[in-house]
Amino acid sequence: MFDAAPIKKVSVVIPVYNEQESLPELIRRTTTACESLGKAWEILLIDDGSSDSSAELMVKASQEADSHIISILLNRNYGQ
């Protein structure tokens, strides 16, 4: 058995593909949940080559003041 170290930071990884309609609510709900943790946190949004405006929404969210969002944009759809 080993001694588990306490969690210092939580990273939430979310794949995104053509989610422009649901993305703002997803970000809002995930941010609210993370803020309640009482720990350091980040949300990694990974756009898998969306053809809608998902990438633009992600970048905008990551550029807001005090944002905990990191946007990763893939240049094409790599699938699951």
C-alpha atoms as a PDB file:
ATOM      1  CA  MET A   1       0.000   0.000   0.000  1.00  0.00           C
ATOM      2  CA  PHE A   2       1.153   3.575  -0.529  1.00  0.00           C
ATOM      3  CA  ASP A   3       0.333   6.902   1.056  1.00  0.00           C
ATOM      4  CA  ALA A   4      -1.819   8.971  -1.272  1.00  0.00           C
ATOM      5  CA  ALA A   5      -0.765  12.590  -1.568  1.00  0.00           C
ATOM      6  CA  PRO A   6      -3.529  15.160  -1.246  1.00  0.00           C
ATOM      7  CA  ILE A   7      -4.900  16.576  -4.481  1.00  0.00           C
ATOM      8  CA  LYS A   8      -3.449  20.036  -5.076  1.00  0.00           C
ATOM      9  CA  LYS A   9      -5.049  20.904  -8.398  1.00  0.00           C
ATOM     10  CA  VAL A  10      -8.019  19.562 -10.342  1.00  0.00           C
ATOM     11  CA  SER A  11      -7.922  19.505 -14.146  1.00  0.00           C
ATOM     12  CA  VAL A  12     -11.173  18.938 -16.023  1.00  0.00           C
ATOM     13  CA  VAL A  13     -10.602  17.830 -19.630  1.00  0.00           C
ATOM     14  CA  ILE A  14     -13.523  18.322 -22.019  1.00  0.00           C
ATOM     15  CA  PRO A  15     -13.463  17.325 -25.701  1.00  0.00           C
ATOM     16  CA  VAL A  16     -15.454  19.712 -27.904  1.00  0.00           C
ATOM     17  CA  TYR A  17     -16.816  19.119 -31.405  1.00  0.00           C
ATOM     18  CA  ASN A  18     -19.427  21.440 -32.931  1.00  0.00           C
ATOM     19  CA  GLU A  19     -20.859  22.441 -29.554  1.00  0.00           C
ATOM     20  CA  GLN A  20     -21.408  26.175 -30.074  1.00  0.00           C
ATOM     21  CA  GLU A  21     -24.984  25.986 -28.785  1.00  0.00           C
ATOM     22  CA  SER A  22     -24.215  24.121 -25.554  1.00  0.00           C
ATOM     23  CA  LEU A  23     -20.685  25.393 -24.859  1.00  0.00           C
ATOM     24  CA  PRO A  24     -21.560  28.565 -22.885  1.00  0.00           C
ATOM     25  CA  GLU A  25     -23.764  26.593 -20.478  1.00  0.00           C
ATOM     26  CA  LEU A  26     -21.175  23.811 -20.200  1.00  0.00           C
ATOM     27  CA  ILE A  27     -18.492  26.346 -19.291  1.00  0.00           C
ATOM     28  CA  ARG A  28     -20.783  28.069 -16.779  1.00  0.00           C
ATOM     29  CA  ARG A  29     -21.780  24.832 -15.034  1.00  0.00           C
ATOM     30  CA  THR A  30     -18.269  23.382 -14.995  1.00  0.00           C
ATOM     31  CA  THR A  31     -16.824  26.639 -13.649  1.00  0.00           C
ATOM     32  CA  THR A  32     -19.449  26.736 -10.888  1.00  0.00           C
ATOM     33  CA  ALA A  33     -18.670  23.141  -9.901  1.00  0.00           C
ATOM     34  CA  CYS A  34     -14.917  23.771  -9.876  1.00  0.00           C
ATOM     35  CA  GLU A  35     -15.255  26.945  -7.793  1.00  0.00           C
ATOM     36  CA  SER A  36     -16.972  24.916  -5.078  1.00  0.00           C
ATOM     37  CA  LEU A  37     -13.997  22.548  -4.720  1.00  0.00           C
ATOM     38  CA  GLY A  38     -11.860  24.830  -2.586  1.00  0.00           C
ATOM     39  CA  LYS A  39      -8.770  23.765  -4.561  1.00  0.00           C
ATOM     40  CA  ALA A  40      -6.820  25.083  -7.505  1.00  0.00           C
ATOM     41  CA  TRP A  41      -8.469  24.080 -10.775  1.00  0.00           C
ATOM     42  CA  GLU A  42      -8.396  24.420 -14.539  1.00  0.00           C
ATOM     43  CA  ILE A  43     -10.702  23.506 -17.403  1.00  0.00           C
ATOM     44  CA  LEU A  44      -9.043  22.206 -20.566  1.00  0.00           C
ATOM     45  CA  LEU A  45     -11.306  22.527 -23.597  1.00  0.00           C
ATOM     46  CA  ILE A  46     -10.012  20.568 -26.584  1.00  0.00           C
ATOM     47  CA  ASP A  47     -11.615  21.437 -29.900  1.00  0.00           C
ATOM     48  CA  ASP A  48     -11.437  18.505 -32.303  1.00  0.00           C
ATOM     49  CA  GLY A  49     -11.659  20.441 -35.576  1.00  0.00           C
ATOM     50  CA  SER A  50     -15.158  21.890 -35.149  1.00  0.00           C
ATOM     51  CA  SER A  51     -16.714  23.492 -38.222  1.00  0.00           C
ATOM     52  CA  ASP A  52     -18.938  25.833 -36.184  1.00  0.00           C
ATOM     53  CA  SER A  53     -17.850  28.677 -33.888  1.00  0.00           C
ATOM     54  CA  SER A  54     -16.924  26.437 -30.945  1.00  0.00           C
ATOM     55  CA  ALA A  55     -13.229  27.322 -31.213  1.00  0.00           C
ATOM     56  CA  GLU A  56     -13.941  31.058 -31.162  1.00  0.00           C
ATOM     57  CA  LEU A  57     -16.139  30.689 -28.074  1.00  0.00           C
ATOM     58  CA  MET A  58     -13.432  28.651 -26.350  1.00  0.00           C
ATOM     59  CA  VAL A  59     -10.720  31.208 -27.085  1.00  0.00           C
ATOM     60  CA  LYS A  60     -12.957  34.044 -25.888  1.00  0.00           C
ATOM     61  CA  ALA A  61     -13.635  32.205 -22.614  1.00  0.00           C
ATOM     62  CA  SER A  62      -9.936  31.511 -22.074  1.00  0.00           C
ATOM     63  CA  GLN A  63      -9.040  35.183 -22.599  1.00  0.00           C
ATOM     64  CA  GLU A  64     -11.415  36.539 -19.948  1.00  0.00           C
ATOM     65  CA  ALA A  65      -9.861  38.082 -16.845  1.00  0.00           C
ATOM     66  CA  ASP A  66      -9.004  35.497 -14.163  1.00  0.00           C
ATOM     67  CA  SER A  67      -9.993  32.667 -16.500  1.00  0.00           C
ATOM     68  CA  HIS A  68      -9.143  29.107 -15.486  1.00  0.00           C
ATOM     69  CA  ILE A  69      -9.900  27.892 -19.002  1.00  0.00           C
ATOM     70  CA  ILE A  70      -7.249  26.622 -21.395  1.00  0.00           C
ATOM     71  CA  SER A  71      -8.260  26.190 -25.027  1.00  0.00           C
ATOM     72  CA  ILE A  72      -6.516  23.642 -27.224  1.00  0.00           C
ATOM     73  CA  LEU A  73      -7.456  23.794 -30.896  1.00  0.00           C
ATOM     74  CA  LEU A  74      -6.738  20.822 -33.145  1.00  0.00           C
ATOM     75  CA  ASN A  75      -6.591  21.615 -36.858  1.00  0.00           C
ATOM     76  CA  ARG A  76      -8.758  18.685 -37.922  1.00  0.00           C
ATOM     77  CA  ASN A  77     -11.088  16.094 -36.463  1.00  0.00           C
ATOM     78  CA  TYR A  78      -9.087  13.235 -34.965  1.00  0.00           C
ATOM     79  CA  GLY A  79     -12.117  11.361 -33.609  1.00  0.00           C
ATOM     80  CA  GLN A  80     -12.156   9.395 -30.401  1.00  0.00           C
END
